[in-house]
């Protein structure tokens, strides 16, 4: 048993920014547990990649939009920590799981709104609440937001509003959890070329060009631009950064 290793939990770690963050953490010598919603084979590949980097990996299924399932998940996580690390706690939480929705406010249905609410805000709130007793003292939490809370692109009203709530929540988590030395920060990525939102940024050349023309560094972001920032925030070099929003957008819509 290796009970001295730093352990991270990354939600939505089977693809995109979650996968990239998990591998970036592993490159820093951190063991990683990922959650996945439905892509089990992709999650297994990420665990293999984590282990290929010399770290221990594990995975658990989780629907972050179903709060009623969280107690079962906590029980499963507790077992994994005990069996894999002989620990009853972990050190880093990355609240990454989510999905996008591009729909005007006037056309947003209650079902779409509730789905976004459950995954992007309510799920993060209550999962973090239930995981709090398992996070070790001096732990780190990184929440995921979006650049769309600062700049506005029509059609993302509901999605961006949920992420705005996450940014406020981050400050309150940092304030209340600081008594145990737990740091809580939020990352706000700009437009990233992944399969997020149906891969619209990645697969639409016109959209890519439009976005690139509005980014100071002249290109659309890639997953590799984000994971390293998430991992670095979890190191002691950033030990005095707390309750802070860090935008990672290459200078989008300055």
C-alpha atoms as a PDB file:
ATOM      1  CA  UNK A   1       0.000   0.000   0.000  1.00  0.00           C
ATOM      2  CA  UNK A   2       1.226   3.484  -0.868  1.00  0.00           C
ATOM      3  CA  UNK A   3      -0.601   5.742   1.556  1.00  0.00           C
ATOM      4  CA  UNK A   4       1.754   8.705   1.170  1.00  0.00           C
ATOM      5  CA  UNK A   5       0.973   9.572  -2.428  1.00  0.00           C
ATOM      6  CA  UNK A   6      -1.119  12.594  -3.309  1.00  0.00           C
ATOM      7  CA  UNK A   7      -4.474  11.488  -4.725  1.00  0.00           C
ATOM      8  CA  UNK A   8      -6.714  13.498  -7.053  1.00  0.00           C
ATOM      9  CA  UNK A   9     -10.347  12.918  -8.006  1.00  0.00           C
ATOM     10  CA  UNK A  10     -11.320  14.306 -11.426  1.00  0.00           C
ATOM     11  CA  UNK A  11     -14.976  14.193 -12.445  1.00  0.00           C
ATOM     12  CA  UNK A  12     -15.695  13.688 -16.124  1.00  0.00           C
ATOM     13  CA  UNK A  13     -12.179  12.392 -16.658  1.00  0.00           C
ATOM     14  CA  UNK A  14     -12.791  10.125 -19.642  1.00  0.00           C
ATOM     15  CA  UNK A  15     -12.491  12.834 -22.294  1.00  0.00           C
ATOM     16  CA  UNK A  16     -11.668  16.440 -23.095  1.00  0.00           C
ATOM     17  CA  UNK A  17     -10.437  18.756 -20.378  1.00  0.00           C
ATOM     18  CA  UNK A  18     -11.031  16.167 -17.651  1.00  0.00           C
ATOM     19  CA  UNK A  19      -8.832  13.633 -19.380  1.00  0.00           C
ATOM     20  CA  UNK A  20      -6.161  16.238 -20.028  1.00  0.00           C
ATOM     21  CA  UNK A  21      -6.248  17.421 -16.416  1.00  0.00           C
ATOM     22  CA  UNK A  22      -5.984  13.856 -15.118  1.00  0.00           C
ATOM     23  CA  UNK A  23      -2.904  13.164 -17.245  1.00  0.00           C
ATOM     24  CA  UNK A  24      -1.331  16.508 -16.315  1.00  0.00           C
ATOM     25  CA  UNK A  25      -1.774  15.646 -12.631  1.00  0.00           C
ATOM     26  CA  UNK A  26      -0.220  12.215 -13.233  1.00  0.00           C
ATOM     27  CA  UNK A  27       2.794  13.859 -14.873  1.00  0.00           C
ATOM     28  CA  UNK A  28       3.303  15.751 -11.613  1.00  0.00           C
ATOM     29  CA  UNK A  29       3.524  12.455  -9.705  1.00  0.00           C
ATOM     30  CA  UNK A  30      -0.068  12.472  -8.486  1.00  0.00           C
ATOM     31  CA  UNK A  31      -2.307   9.386  -8.431  1.00  0.00           C
ATOM     32  CA  UNK A  32      -5.678   9.981 -10.088  1.00  0.00           C
ATOM     33  CA  UNK A  33      -9.190   8.600  -9.706  1.00  0.00           C
ATOM     34  CA  UNK A  34     -11.498   9.648 -12.545  1.00  0.00           C
ATOM     35  CA  UNK A  35     -15.245   9.452 -12.902  1.00  0.00           C
ATOM     36  CA  UNK A  36     -17.061   8.822 -16.159  1.00  0.00           C
ATOM     37  CA  UNK A  37     -20.709   9.085 -17.130  1.00  0.00           C
ATOM     38  CA  UNK A  38     -21.101   6.459 -19.865  1.00  0.00           C
ATOM     39  CA  UNK A  39     -17.807   6.118 -21.756  1.00  0.00           C
ATOM     40  CA  UNK A  40     -16.352   3.217 -19.823  1.00  0.00           C
ATOM     41  CA  UNK A  41     -13.865   2.118 -22.489  1.00  0.00           C
ATOM     42  CA  UNK A  42     -12.500   5.653 -22.818  1.00  0.00           C
ATOM     43  CA  UNK A  43     -12.199   5.861 -19.036  1.00  0.00           C
ATOM     44  CA  UNK A  44     -10.271   2.576 -18.977  1.00  0.00           C
ATOM     45  CA  UNK A  45      -7.857   3.998 -21.552  1.00  0.00           C
ATOM     46  CA  UNK A  46      -7.282   7.096 -19.399  1.00  0.00           C
ATOM     47  CA  UNK A  47      -6.496   4.887 -16.392  1.00  0.00           C
ATOM     48  CA  UNK A  48      -4.016   2.964 -18.563  1.00  0.00           C
ATOM     49  CA  UNK A  49      -2.415   6.255 -19.626  1.00  0.00           C
ATOM     50  CA  UNK A  50      -2.163   7.384 -15.991  1.00  0.00           C
ATOM     51  CA  UNK A  51      -0.451   4.122 -15.072  1.00  0.00           C
ATOM     52  CA  UNK A  52       1.847   4.390 -18.098  1.00  0.00           C
ATOM     53  CA  UNK A  53       3.059   7.654 -16.560  1.00  0.00           C
ATOM     54  CA  UNK A  54       4.023   5.725 -13.422  1.00  0.00           C
ATOM     55  CA  UNK A  55       1.083   6.656 -11.220  1.00  0.00           C
ATOM     56  CA  UNK A  56      -1.815   4.669  -9.830  1.00  0.00           C
ATOM     57  CA  UNK A  57      -5.173   5.195 -11.538  1.00  0.00           C
ATOM     58  CA  UNK A  58      -8.750   4.157 -10.855  1.00  0.00           C
ATOM     59  CA  UNK A  59     -12.195   4.952 -12.230  1.00  0.00           C
ATOM     60  CA  UNK A  60     -15.779   5.066 -11.000  1.00  0.00           C
ATOM     61  CA  UNK A  61     -19.080   5.640 -12.800  1.00  0.00           C
ATOM     62  CA  UNK A  62     -20.936   8.786 -11.741  1.00  0.00           C
ATOM     63  CA  UNK A  63     -23.799  10.878 -13.075  1.00  0.00           C
ATOM     64  CA  UNK A  64     -23.099  14.278 -11.518  1.00  0.00           C
ATOM     65  CA  UNK A  65     -26.634  15.372 -12.336  1.00  0.00           C
ATOM     66  CA  UNK A  66     -28.214  12.818  -9.993  1.00  0.00           C
ATOM     67  CA  UNK A  67     -27.709  13.934  -6.401  1.00  0.00           C
ATOM     68  CA  UNK A  68     -29.570  10.864  -5.142  1.00  0.00           C
ATOM     69  CA  UNK A  69     -26.721   8.676  -6.430  1.00  0.00           C
ATOM     70  CA  UNK A  70     -23.990  10.519  -4.515  1.00  0.00           C
ATOM     71  CA  UNK A  71     -24.174   8.499  -1.288  1.00  0.00           C
ATOM     72  CA  UNK A  72     -23.589   5.286  -3.247  1.00  0.00           C
ATOM     73  CA  UNK A  73     -20.708   6.959  -5.076  1.00  0.00           C
ATOM     74  CA  UNK A  74     -19.137   8.101  -1.795  1.00  0.00           C
ATOM     75  CA  UNK A  75     -19.324   4.542  -0.512  1.00  0.00           C
ATOM     76  CA  UNK A  76     -17.646   3.226  -3.655  1.00  0.00           C
ATOM     77  CA  UNK A  77     -14.966   5.912  -3.507  1.00  0.00           C
ATOM     78  CA  UNK A  78     -14.269   5.115   0.145  1.00  0.00           C
ATOM     79  CA  UNK A  79     -13.736   1.460  -0.781  1.00  0.00           C
ATOM     80  CA  UNK A  80     -11.407   2.364  -3.657  1.00  0.00           C
ATOM     81  CA  UNK A  81      -9.341   4.626  -1.422  1.00  0.00           C
ATOM     82  CA  UNK A  82      -9.064   1.950   1.256  1.00  0.00           C
ATOM     83  CA  UNK A  83      -8.238  -0.898  -1.117  1.00  0.00           C
ATOM     84  CA  UNK A  84      -5.944   1.040  -3.449  1.00  0.00           C
ATOM     85  CA  UNK A  85      -4.180   3.401  -1.058  1.00  0.00           C
ATOM     86  CA  UNK A  86      -5.045   2.315   2.489  1.00  0.00           C
ATOM     87  CA  UNK A  87      -6.488   5.787   3.025  1.00  0.00           C
ATOM     88  CA  UNK A  88      -9.852   7.243   3.945  1.00  0.00           C
ATOM     89  CA  UNK A  89      -9.198  10.590   2.260  1.00  0.00           C
ATOM     90  CA  UNK A  90      -7.921  12.169  -0.940  1.00  0.00           C
ATOM     91  CA  UNK A  91      -6.132  15.465  -1.605  1.00  0.00           C
ATOM     92  CA  UNK A  92      -7.390  17.124  -4.790  1.00  0.00           C
ATOM     93  CA  UNK A  93     -10.886  17.527  -6.234  1.00  0.00           C
ATOM     94  CA  UNK A  94     -11.379  18.732  -9.809  1.00  0.00           C
ATOM     95  CA  UNK A  95     -15.049  19.459 -10.525  1.00  0.00           C
ATOM     96  CA  UNK A  96     -14.864  19.137 -14.293  1.00  0.00           C
ATOM     97  CA  UNK A  97     -17.853  17.046 -15.445  1.00  0.00           C
ATOM     98  CA  UNK A  98     -20.331  18.927 -17.584  1.00  0.00           C
ATOM     99  CA  UNK A  99     -21.842  19.583 -20.978  1.00  0.00           C
ATOM    100  CA  UNK A 100     -22.628  22.618 -23.068  1.00  0.00           C
ATOM    101  CA  UNK A 101     -25.836  23.978 -24.564  1.00  0.00           C
ATOM    102  CA  UNK A 102     -26.072  26.618 -27.285  1.00  0.00           C
ATOM    103  CA  UNK A 103     -29.627  27.931 -27.353  1.00  0.00           C
ATOM    104  CA  UNK A 104     -31.068  31.459 -27.143  1.00  0.00           C
ATOM    105  CA  UNK A 105     -32.745  32.450 -23.883  1.00  0.00           C
ATOM    106  CA  UNK A 106     -36.088  32.799 -25.663  1.00  0.00           C
ATOM    107  CA  UNK A 107     -35.875  29.210 -26.899  1.00  0.00           C
ATOM    108  CA  UNK A 108     -34.436  27.519 -23.791  1.00  0.00           C
ATOM    109  CA  UNK A 109     -36.823  24.892 -22.441  1.00  0.00           C
ATOM    110  CA  UNK A 110     -37.323  24.153 -18.780  1.00  0.00           C
ATOM    111  CA  UNK A 111     -35.944  20.663 -19.421  1.00  0.00           C
ATOM    112  CA  UNK A 112     -32.737  22.088 -20.915  1.00  0.00           C
ATOM    113  CA  UNK A 113     -32.435  24.564 -18.055  1.00  0.00           C
ATOM    114  CA  UNK A 114     -32.949  21.906 -15.393  1.00  0.00           C
ATOM    115  CA  UNK A 115     -30.461  19.562 -17.050  1.00  0.00           C
ATOM    116  CA  UNK A 116     -27.811  22.285 -17.052  1.00  0.00           C
ATOM    117  CA  UNK A 117     -28.684  23.250 -13.497  1.00  0.00           C
ATOM    118  CA  UNK A 118     -28.429  19.684 -12.201  1.00  0.00           C
ATOM    119  CA  UNK A 119     -25.016  18.964 -13.747  1.00  0.00           C
ATOM    120  CA  UNK A 120     -23.311  22.353 -13.847  1.00  0.00           C
ATOM    121  CA  UNK A 121     -24.371  23.772 -10.486  1.00  0.00           C
ATOM    122  CA  UNK A 122     -26.532  21.637  -8.214  1.00  0.00           C
ATOM    123  CA  UNK A 123     -24.404  18.546  -8.820  1.00  0.00           C
ATOM    124  CA  UNK A 124     -21.158  20.424  -8.145  1.00  0.00           C
ATOM    125  CA  UNK A 125     -22.624  21.982  -4.988  1.00  0.00           C
ATOM    126  CA  UNK A 126     -23.851  18.760  -3.407  1.00  0.00           C
ATOM    127  CA  UNK A 127     -21.032  16.501  -4.629  1.00  0.00           C
ATOM    128  CA  UNK A 128     -18.495  18.898  -3.125  1.00  0.00           C
ATOM    129  CA  UNK A 129     -20.562  19.034   0.070  1.00  0.00           C
ATOM    130  CA  UNK A 130     -20.591  15.240   0.384  1.00  0.00           C
ATOM    131  CA  UNK A 131     -16.911  14.910  -0.526  1.00  0.00           C
ATOM    132  CA  UNK A 132     -15.797  17.573   1.961  1.00  0.00           C
ATOM    133  CA  UNK A 133     -15.273  15.084   4.851  1.00  0.00           C
ATOM    134  CA  UNK A 134     -13.056  12.970   2.561  1.00  0.00           C
ATOM    135  CA  UNK A 135     -10.825  15.820   1.407  1.00  0.00           C
ATOM    136  CA  UNK A 136      -7.616  15.878   3.436  1.00  0.00           C
ATOM    137  CA  UNK A 137      -6.552  18.960   5.376  1.00  0.00           C
ATOM    138  CA  UNK A 138      -4.467  21.245   3.133  1.00  0.00           C
ATOM    139  CA  UNK A 139      -6.384  19.834   0.174  1.00  0.00           C
ATOM    140  CA  UNK A 140      -7.101  21.598  -3.109  1.00  0.00           C
ATOM    141  CA  UNK A 141     -10.289  22.058  -5.124  1.00  0.00           C
ATOM    142  CA  UNK A 142     -10.447  23.310  -8.701  1.00  0.00           C
ATOM    143  CA  UNK A 143     -13.843  24.113 -10.177  1.00  0.00           C
ATOM    144  CA  UNK A 144     -14.402  24.565 -13.914  1.00  0.00           C
ATOM    145  CA  UNK A 145     -16.168  27.625 -15.249  1.00  0.00           C
ATOM    146  CA  UNK A 146     -16.029  29.326 -18.653  1.00  0.00           C
ATOM    147  CA  UNK A 147     -14.776  32.517 -20.248  1.00  0.00           C
ATOM    148  CA  UNK A 148     -18.413  33.117 -21.173  1.00  0.00           C
ATOM    149  CA  UNK A 149     -18.993  34.537 -17.692  1.00  0.00           C
ATOM    150  CA  UNK A 150     -16.802  37.520 -18.723  1.00  0.00           C
ATOM    151  CA  UNK A 151     -17.455  37.899 -22.455  1.00  0.00           C
ATOM    152  CA  UNK A 152     -20.781  37.233 -24.105  1.00  0.00           C
ATOM    153  CA  UNK A 153     -21.598  35.107 -27.160  1.00  0.00           C
ATOM    154  CA  UNK A 154     -25.308  34.892 -27.893  1.00  0.00           C
ATOM    155  CA  UNK A 155     -26.871  31.504 -27.204  1.00  0.00           C
ATOM    156  CA  UNK A 156     -25.001  30.570 -24.037  1.00  0.00           C
ATOM    157  CA  UNK A 157     -27.183  32.395 -21.500  1.00  0.00           C
ATOM    158  CA  UNK A 158     -28.322  29.429 -19.424  1.00  0.00           C
ATOM    159  CA  UNK A 159     -24.955  27.649 -19.538  1.00  0.00           C
ATOM    160  CA  UNK A 160     -22.967  30.763 -18.628  1.00  0.00           C
ATOM    161  CA  UNK A 161     -25.387  31.636 -15.826  1.00  0.00           C
ATOM    162  CA  UNK A 162     -24.750  28.253 -14.188  1.00  0.00           C
ATOM    163  CA  UNK A 163     -21.020  28.801 -14.474  1.00  0.00           C
ATOM    164  CA  UNK A 164     -21.397  32.272 -12.993  1.00  0.00           C
ATOM    165  CA  UNK A 165     -22.979  30.594  -9.985  1.00  0.00           C
ATOM    166  CA  UNK A 166     -19.961  28.264  -9.774  1.00  0.00           C
ATOM    167  CA  UNK A 167     -17.625  31.264  -9.646  1.00  0.00           C
ATOM    168  CA  UNK A 168     -19.530  32.737  -6.692  1.00  0.00           C
ATOM    169  CA  UNK A 169     -19.702  29.339  -5.013  1.00  0.00           C
ATOM    170  CA  UNK A 170     -15.930  28.996  -5.365  1.00  0.00           C
ATOM    171  CA  UNK A 171     -15.373  32.096  -3.231  1.00  0.00           C
ATOM    172  CA  UNK A 172     -17.676  30.802  -0.528  1.00  0.00           C
ATOM    173  CA  UNK A 173     -16.041  27.367  -0.553  1.00  0.00           C
ATOM    174  CA  UNK A 174     -12.634  29.030  -0.198  1.00  0.00           C
ATOM    175  CA  UNK A 175     -13.893  31.136   2.712  1.00  0.00           C
ATOM    176  CA  UNK A 176     -15.606  28.316   4.603  1.00  0.00           C
ATOM    177  CA  UNK A 177     -13.111  25.543   3.890  1.00  0.00           C
ATOM    178  CA  UNK A 178      -9.991  27.614   4.469  1.00  0.00           C
ATOM    179  CA  UNK A 179     -10.193  26.767   8.166  1.00  0.00           C
ATOM    180  CA  UNK A 180      -8.870  23.321   7.197  1.00  0.00           C
ATOM    181  CA  UNK A 181      -6.275  24.744   4.832  1.00  0.00           C
ATOM    182  CA  UNK A 182      -8.263  23.670   1.758  1.00  0.00           C
ATOM    183  CA  UNK A 183      -7.694  25.996  -1.201  1.00  0.00           C
ATOM    184  CA  UNK A 184     -10.513  26.447  -3.730  1.00  0.00           C
ATOM    185  CA  UNK A 185     -10.056  28.134  -7.102  1.00  0.00           C
ATOM    186  CA  UNK A 186     -11.910  28.258 -10.403  1.00  0.00           C
ATOM    187  CA  UNK A 187     -10.554  27.924 -13.948  1.00  0.00           C
ATOM    188  CA  UNK A 188     -12.392  29.682 -16.786  1.00  0.00           C
ATOM    189  CA  UNK A 189     -11.351  28.242 -20.168  1.00  0.00           C
ATOM    190  CA  UNK A 190     -12.010  30.117 -23.380  1.00  0.00           C
ATOM    191  CA  UNK A 191     -13.072  28.372 -26.584  1.00  0.00           C
ATOM    192  CA  UNK A 192     -11.436  24.945 -26.720  1.00  0.00           C
ATOM    193  CA  UNK A 193     -11.318  22.487 -29.629  1.00  0.00           C
ATOM    194  CA  UNK A 194     -12.720  19.337 -28.013  1.00  0.00           C
ATOM    195  CA  UNK A 195     -15.906  17.275 -28.472  1.00  0.00           C
ATOM    196  CA  UNK A 196     -17.603  19.608 -25.967  1.00  0.00           C
ATOM    197  CA  UNK A 197     -20.877  21.022 -27.285  1.00  0.00           C
ATOM    198  CA  UNK A 198     -20.903  18.499 -30.100  1.00  0.00           C
ATOM    199  CA  UNK A 199     -17.401  19.456 -31.226  1.00  0.00           C
ATOM    200  CA  UNK A 200     -18.593  22.751 -32.751  1.00  0.00           C
ATOM    201  CA  UNK A 201     -15.345  24.610 -32.084  1.00  0.00           C
ATOM    202  CA  UNK A 202     -13.191  21.663 -33.111  1.00  0.00           C
ATOM    203  CA  UNK A 203     -15.058  20.680 -36.273  1.00  0.00           C
ATOM    204  CA  UNK A 204     -16.435  23.925 -37.739  1.00  0.00           C
ATOM    205  CA  UNK A 205     -13.719  25.791 -39.718  1.00  0.00           C
ATOM    206  CA  UNK A 206     -15.779  28.985 -39.920  1.00  0.00           C
ATOM    207  CA  UNK A 207     -16.314  29.032 -36.163  1.00  0.00           C
ATOM    208  CA  UNK A 208     -12.658  28.262 -35.533  1.00  0.00           C
ATOM    209  CA  UNK A 209     -11.613  31.184 -37.723  1.00  0.00           C
ATOM    210  CA  UNK A 210     -14.111  33.545 -36.102  1.00  0.00           C
ATOM    211  CA  UNK A 211     -12.948  32.614 -32.615  1.00  0.00           C
ATOM    212  CA  UNK A 212      -9.237  32.688 -33.502  1.00  0.00           C
ATOM    213  CA  UNK A 213      -9.638  36.236 -34.827  1.00  0.00           C
ATOM    214  CA  UNK A 214     -10.937  37.251 -31.395  1.00  0.00           C
ATOM    215  CA  UNK A 215      -8.078  35.677 -29.411  1.00  0.00           C
ATOM    216  CA  UNK A 216      -4.934  37.709 -28.836  1.00  0.00           C
ATOM    217  CA  UNK A 217      -2.676  34.703 -29.440  1.00  0.00           C
ATOM    218  CA  UNK A 218      -4.390  34.054 -32.767  1.00  0.00           C
ATOM    219  CA  UNK A 219      -5.668  30.497 -32.410  1.00  0.00           C
ATOM    220  CA  UNK A 220      -8.363  28.414 -30.784  1.00  0.00           C
ATOM    221  CA  UNK A 221      -7.417  26.739 -27.515  1.00  0.00           C
ATOM    222  CA  UNK A 222      -6.636  23.027 -27.206  1.00  0.00           C
ATOM    223  CA  UNK A 223      -7.169  20.688 -24.271  1.00  0.00           C
ATOM    224  CA  UNK A 224      -3.409  20.729 -23.683  1.00  0.00           C
ATOM    225  CA  UNK A 225      -3.670  24.451 -22.911  1.00  0.00           C
ATOM    226  CA  UNK A 226      -5.912  23.777 -19.906  1.00  0.00           C
ATOM    227  CA  UNK A 227      -4.891  20.586 -18.090  1.00  0.00           C
ATOM    228  CA  UNK A 228      -1.477  21.881 -17.106  1.00  0.00           C
ATOM    229  CA  UNK A 229      -3.017  24.970 -15.517  1.00  0.00           C
ATOM    230  CA  UNK A 230      -5.411  22.824 -13.492  1.00  0.00           C
ATOM    231  CA  UNK A 231      -2.553  20.614 -12.320  1.00  0.00           C
ATOM    232  CA  UNK A 232      -0.281  23.554 -11.516  1.00  0.00           C
ATOM    233  CA  UNK A 233      -2.991  25.138  -9.358  1.00  0.00           C
ATOM    234  CA  UNK A 234      -2.835  22.006  -7.222  1.00  0.00           C
ATOM    235  CA  UNK A 235       0.883  22.391  -6.472  1.00  0.00           C
ATOM    236  CA  UNK A 236       2.584  24.274  -3.664  1.00  0.00           C
ATOM    237  CA  UNK A 237       3.860  26.871  -6.137  1.00  0.00           C
ATOM    238  CA  UNK A 238       0.271  28.158  -6.152  1.00  0.00           C
ATOM    239  CA  UNK A 239      -0.154  27.638  -2.437  1.00  0.00           C
ATOM    240  CA  UNK A 240      -1.176  31.256  -1.758  1.00  0.00           C
ATOM    241  CA  UNK A 241      -3.723  31.426  -4.585  1.00  0.00           C
ATOM    242  CA  UNK A 242      -7.183  30.947  -3.118  1.00  0.00           C
ATOM    243  CA  UNK A 243     -10.740  31.935  -3.973  1.00  0.00           C
ATOM    244  CA  UNK A 244      -9.522  33.137  -7.359  1.00  0.00           C
ATOM    245  CA  UNK A 245     -10.870  32.942 -10.923  1.00  0.00           C
ATOM    246  CA  UNK A 246      -8.150  32.274 -13.474  1.00  0.00           C
ATOM    247  CA  UNK A 247      -9.187  32.695 -17.103  1.00  0.00           C
ATOM    248  CA  UNK A 248      -7.278  30.477 -19.535  1.00  0.00           C
ATOM    249  CA  UNK A 249      -8.330  31.762 -22.933  1.00  0.00           C
ATOM    250  CA  UNK A 250      -5.249  33.023 -24.750  1.00  0.00           C
ATOM    251  CA  UNK A 251      -6.677  36.519 -24.388  1.00  0.00           C
ATOM    252  CA  UNK A 252     -10.128  35.957 -25.883  1.00  0.00           C
ATOM    253  CA  UNK A 253     -12.255  39.030 -26.627  1.00  0.00           C
ATOM    254  CA  UNK A 254      -9.993  41.429 -24.744  1.00  0.00           C
END
